[in-house]
Amino acid sequence: MHTHKPHDSDHQEPEVIDVSKGYETTDTRVSGVVVFIVSMAAFLVVVAGAAFGIGMLLNRHMAKEDGPKNKWAEPVDVRPLGNLPSNPALENKLGELAQRFPSPRIQSDDGLQDLADLHAREDVLLNNNSWVDQSQGKVRIPIERAMELVAQRGLPVAPAVDHAPLMTGDYEPKVTAPLTNGFVRTGYEQEQSQAVDKTRTK
């Protein structure tokens, strides 16, 4: 009578590996390496063919957009011309153009002089009379005179506006400090002004 030992199929003997030689004794499968090399070569051929085809299509499209070739599109060999002689008059002209280069120019003083010039132009408008629209007789008056007129005549009062009741957490804003026009001199301008005052007192 044949007897079947339970769990014989579940327990397999572990493979015995001979490590006495110190290196792998089994060979790799050559078929796998060959398949990989052939697949890689085929992939490179397909990619190269696709790139070549796309390049041909782009060249045809650009040639169609550029139109037929003419003398302006042909390359010119300039080597027979040699080195051009220097022209002092042309160099002087280029130097003059460089001196009058349009703005914005490279600033060598971090823009402090430009800011000082801007404030100087603002001072001219703030402290002198000037025309706003001569045809309509509109004149710009000095700011000190304008403040005197506002102090004498007052500002026009806007009609009262009904405000909705404040919501929880809201409050009426109150001005606790006098307002200014926000104009202030830079440290560079203050130093210049102090230097001018010192030269005047000497």
Protein backbone atom coordinates (compact mmCIF):
# COMPACT_ATOMS: atom_id res chain seq x y z
CA MET A 1 0.00 0.00 0.00
CA HIS A 2 1.34 3.41 -1.00
CA THR A 3 1.58 5.89 1.77
CA HIS A 4 1.76 9.67 1.30
CA LYS A 5 3.71 11.71 3.78
CA PRO A 6 1.90 14.91 4.69
CA HIS A 7 3.47 18.25 3.67
CA ASP A 8 6.09 16.59 1.43
CA SER A 9 5.39 19.12 -1.34
CA ASP A 10 5.65 22.09 1.00
CA HIS A 11 9.09 21.33 2.32
CA GLN A 12 11.79 21.27 -0.35
CA GLU A 13 15.41 20.72 0.31
CA PRO A 14 17.46 23.94 -0.07
CA GLU A 15 19.81 24.10 -3.04
CA VAL A 16 23.37 23.49 -2.07
CA ILE A 17 25.76 26.06 -3.54
CA ASP A 18 29.42 25.30 -3.81
CA VAL A 19 31.34 28.38 -2.65
CA SER A 20 34.72 26.77 -2.43
CA LYS A 21 35.88 28.30 -5.78
CA GLY A 22 35.07 31.85 -4.72
CA TYR A 23 33.23 32.88 -7.92
CA GLU A 24 30.01 32.20 -9.79
CA THR A 25 30.26 28.90 -11.59
CA THR A 26 27.03 29.14 -13.60
CA ASP A 27 26.94 30.98 -16.95
CA THR A 28 24.58 33.77 -17.87
CA ARG A 29 22.00 33.24 -20.55
CA VAL A 30 23.41 34.47 -23.85
CA SER A 31 19.96 34.71 -25.40
CA GLY A 32 18.92 37.47 -22.98
CA VAL A 33 22.00 39.57 -23.75
CA VAL A 34 21.49 39.14 -27.50
CA VAL A 35 17.83 40.16 -27.25
CA PHE A 36 18.79 43.29 -25.27
CA ILE A 37 21.49 44.34 -27.77
CA VAL A 38 19.23 43.77 -30.76
CA SER A 39 16.37 45.67 -29.11
CA MET A 40 18.65 48.61 -28.26
CA ALA A 41 20.05 48.73 -31.81
CA ALA A 42 16.55 48.67 -33.29
CA PHE A 43 15.46 51.46 -30.91
CA LEU A 44 18.42 53.63 -31.91
CA VAL A 45 17.70 53.07 -35.60
CA VAL A 46 14.05 54.05 -35.15
CA VAL A 47 14.92 57.17 -33.13
CA ALA A 48 17.60 58.25 -35.63
CA GLY A 49 15.19 57.75 -38.53
CA ALA A 50 12.46 59.73 -36.78
CA ALA A 51 14.87 62.58 -35.98
CA PHE A 52 16.14 62.66 -39.56
CA GLY A 53 12.59 62.75 -40.92
CA ILE A 54 11.56 65.56 -38.59
CA GLY A 55 14.65 67.54 -39.56
CA MET A 56 13.83 67.13 -43.24
CA LEU A 57 10.27 68.35 -42.67
CA LEU A 58 11.50 71.39 -40.72
CA ASN A 59 14.05 72.26 -43.41
CA ARG A 60 11.40 72.05 -46.13
CA HIS A 61 9.06 74.25 -44.12
CA MET A 62 11.76 76.88 -43.50
CA ALA A 63 12.82 76.82 -47.16
CA LYS A 64 9.20 77.37 -48.15
CA GLU A 65 8.84 80.28 -45.72
CA ASP A 66 12.13 81.89 -46.82
CA GLY A 67 11.25 81.72 -50.49
CA PRO A 68 13.67 81.22 -53.39
CA LYS A 69 17.35 81.86 -52.84
CA ASN A 70 18.84 85.15 -53.96
CA LYS A 71 22.13 86.99 -53.73
CA TRP A 72 21.30 88.25 -50.25
CA ALA A 73 20.96 84.73 -48.88
CA GLU A 74 24.25 83.44 -50.29
CA PRO A 75 27.27 83.28 -47.97
CA VAL A 76 30.03 85.77 -48.73
CA ASP A 77 33.72 85.18 -48.10
CA VAL A 78 35.07 88.33 -46.45
CA ARG A 79 38.63 87.08 -46.02
CA PRO A 80 39.89 88.75 -49.24
CA LEU A 81 38.83 92.13 -47.83
CA GLY A 82 41.47 91.94 -45.11
CA ASN A 83 41.46 94.12 -42.00
CA LEU A 84 39.75 97.46 -42.42
CA PRO A 85 41.92 100.49 -41.59
CA SER A 86 41.05 102.50 -38.49
CA ASN A 87 39.16 105.73 -39.03
CA PRO A 88 39.82 108.38 -36.33
CA ALA A 89 36.85 110.48 -37.42
CA LEU A 90 34.52 107.49 -37.11
CA GLU A 91 35.97 106.59 -33.72
CA ASN A 92 35.42 110.16 -32.48
CA LYS A 93 31.86 110.07 -33.74
CA LEU A 94 31.21 106.80 -31.94
CA GLY A 95 32.68 108.33 -28.78
CA GLU A 96 30.30 111.30 -29.06
CA LEU A 97 27.35 108.98 -29.55
CA ALA A 98 28.40 106.97 -26.51
CA GLN A 99 28.47 110.15 -24.42
CA ARG A 100 24.92 110.98 -25.55
CA PHE A 101 23.61 107.47 -25.10
CA PRO A 102 19.87 107.59 -24.42
CA SER A 103 18.50 106.73 -21.02
CA PRO A 104 18.33 104.55 -19.09
CA ARG A 105 22.10 104.62 -18.70
CA ILE A 106 24.30 102.64 -16.33
CA GLN A 107 24.34 104.52 -13.03
CA SER A 108 27.70 104.83 -11.35
CA ASP A 109 26.39 106.45 -8.11
CA ASP A 110 23.43 104.16 -7.31
CA GLY A 111 21.05 106.76 -8.78
CA LEU A 112 21.62 109.33 -6.04
CA GLN A 113 22.42 112.11 -8.48
CA ASP A 114 19.37 111.30 -10.60
CA LEU A 115 17.20 111.43 -7.48
CA ALA A 116 18.72 114.76 -6.49
CA ASP A 117 18.00 116.14 -9.96
CA LEU A 118 14.41 114.90 -9.72
CA HIS A 119 13.91 116.62 -6.38
CA ALA A 120 15.44 119.81 -7.77
CA ARG A 121 12.91 119.80 -10.62
CA GLU A 122 10.13 119.17 -8.10
CA ASP A 123 11.33 122.13 -6.01
CA VAL A 124 11.10 124.40 -9.05
CA LEU A 125 7.45 123.40 -9.55
CA LEU A 126 6.59 123.56 -5.85
CA ASN A 127 8.16 126.93 -5.09
CA ASN A 128 7.49 128.98 -8.25
CA ASN A 129 4.64 130.11 -10.45
CA SER A 130 4.23 128.21 -13.69
CA TRP A 131 1.63 127.79 -16.38
CA VAL A 132 -0.63 124.75 -16.31
CA ASP A 133 -2.72 125.77 -19.33
CA GLN A 134 -1.96 129.21 -20.70
CA SER A 135 -4.93 129.15 -23.09
CA GLN A 136 -7.34 128.72 -20.17
CA GLY A 137 -5.40 130.96 -17.81
CA LYS A 138 -4.59 128.17 -15.35
CA VAL A 139 -1.49 128.89 -13.26
CA ARG A 140 0.36 126.75 -10.78
CA ILE A 141 1.13 128.75 -7.61
CA PRO A 142 3.83 128.03 -5.00
CA ILE A 143 2.84 125.46 -2.42
CA GLU A 144 3.37 127.85 0.51
CA ARG A 145 0.86 130.31 -1.03
CA ALA A 146 -1.55 127.47 -1.72
CA MET A 147 -1.43 126.38 1.93
CA GLU A 148 -2.06 129.98 3.05
CA LEU A 149 -5.14 130.19 0.82
CA VAL A 150 -6.43 126.87 2.08
CA ALA A 151 -5.93 128.04 5.69
CA GLN A 152 -7.83 131.29 4.97
CA ARG A 153 -10.68 129.94 2.83
CA GLY A 154 -10.87 126.35 4.02
CA LEU A 155 -11.58 123.30 1.94
CA PRO A 156 -14.94 122.59 0.32
CA VAL A 157 -17.13 120.48 2.56
CA ALA A 158 -18.52 117.32 1.04
CA PRO A 159 -22.18 116.53 1.69
CA ALA A 160 -22.83 114.31 4.65
CA VAL A 161 -23.07 110.64 3.85
CA ASP A 162 -25.15 108.29 5.89
CA HIS A 163 -22.94 105.53 7.18
CA ALA A 164 -24.22 102.11 8.01
CA PRO A 165 -23.84 101.09 11.63
CA LEU A 166 -20.47 99.61 12.46
CA MET A 167 -20.26 95.88 12.68
CA THR A 168 -18.88 94.02 15.67
CA GLY A 169 -15.16 94.67 16.03
CA ASP A 170 -15.12 97.69 13.66
CA TYR A 171 -14.19 101.20 14.77
CA GLU A 172 -14.01 104.67 13.28
CA PRO A 173 -10.47 105.49 12.09
CA LYS A 174 -8.98 108.54 13.76
CA VAL A 175 -5.99 110.54 12.59
CA THR A 176 -3.69 110.96 15.57
CA ALA A 177 -0.77 112.61 13.77
CA PRO A 178 -0.53 115.40 11.18
CA LEU A 179 -0.43 114.20 7.60
CA THR A 180 2.49 115.01 5.32
CA ASN A 181 3.03 114.94 1.59
CA GLY A 182 5.56 112.12 2.02
CA PHE A 183 8.43 114.15 0.56
CA VAL A 184 11.75 113.72 2.34
CA ARG A 185 15.33 114.37 1.36
CA THR A 186 17.73 111.49 0.97
CA GLY A 187 20.93 111.27 2.98
CA TYR A 188 22.89 112.07 -0.17
CA GLU A 189 20.93 115.29 -0.69
CA GLN A 190 21.22 116.25 2.96
CA GLU A 191 25.01 115.85 2.78
CA GLN A 192 25.10 118.01 -0.34
CA SER A 193 22.97 120.67 1.36
CA GLN A 194 25.23 120.66 4.43
CA ALA A 195 28.32 120.98 2.24
CA VAL A 196 26.76 123.97 0.44
CA ASP A 197 25.84 125.60 3.77
CA LYS A 198 29.42 125.17 5.03
CA THR A 199 30.86 126.78 1.92
CA ARG A 200 28.47 129.71 2.29
CA THR A 201 29.35 130.31 5.95
CA LYS A 202 33.09 130.37 5.27
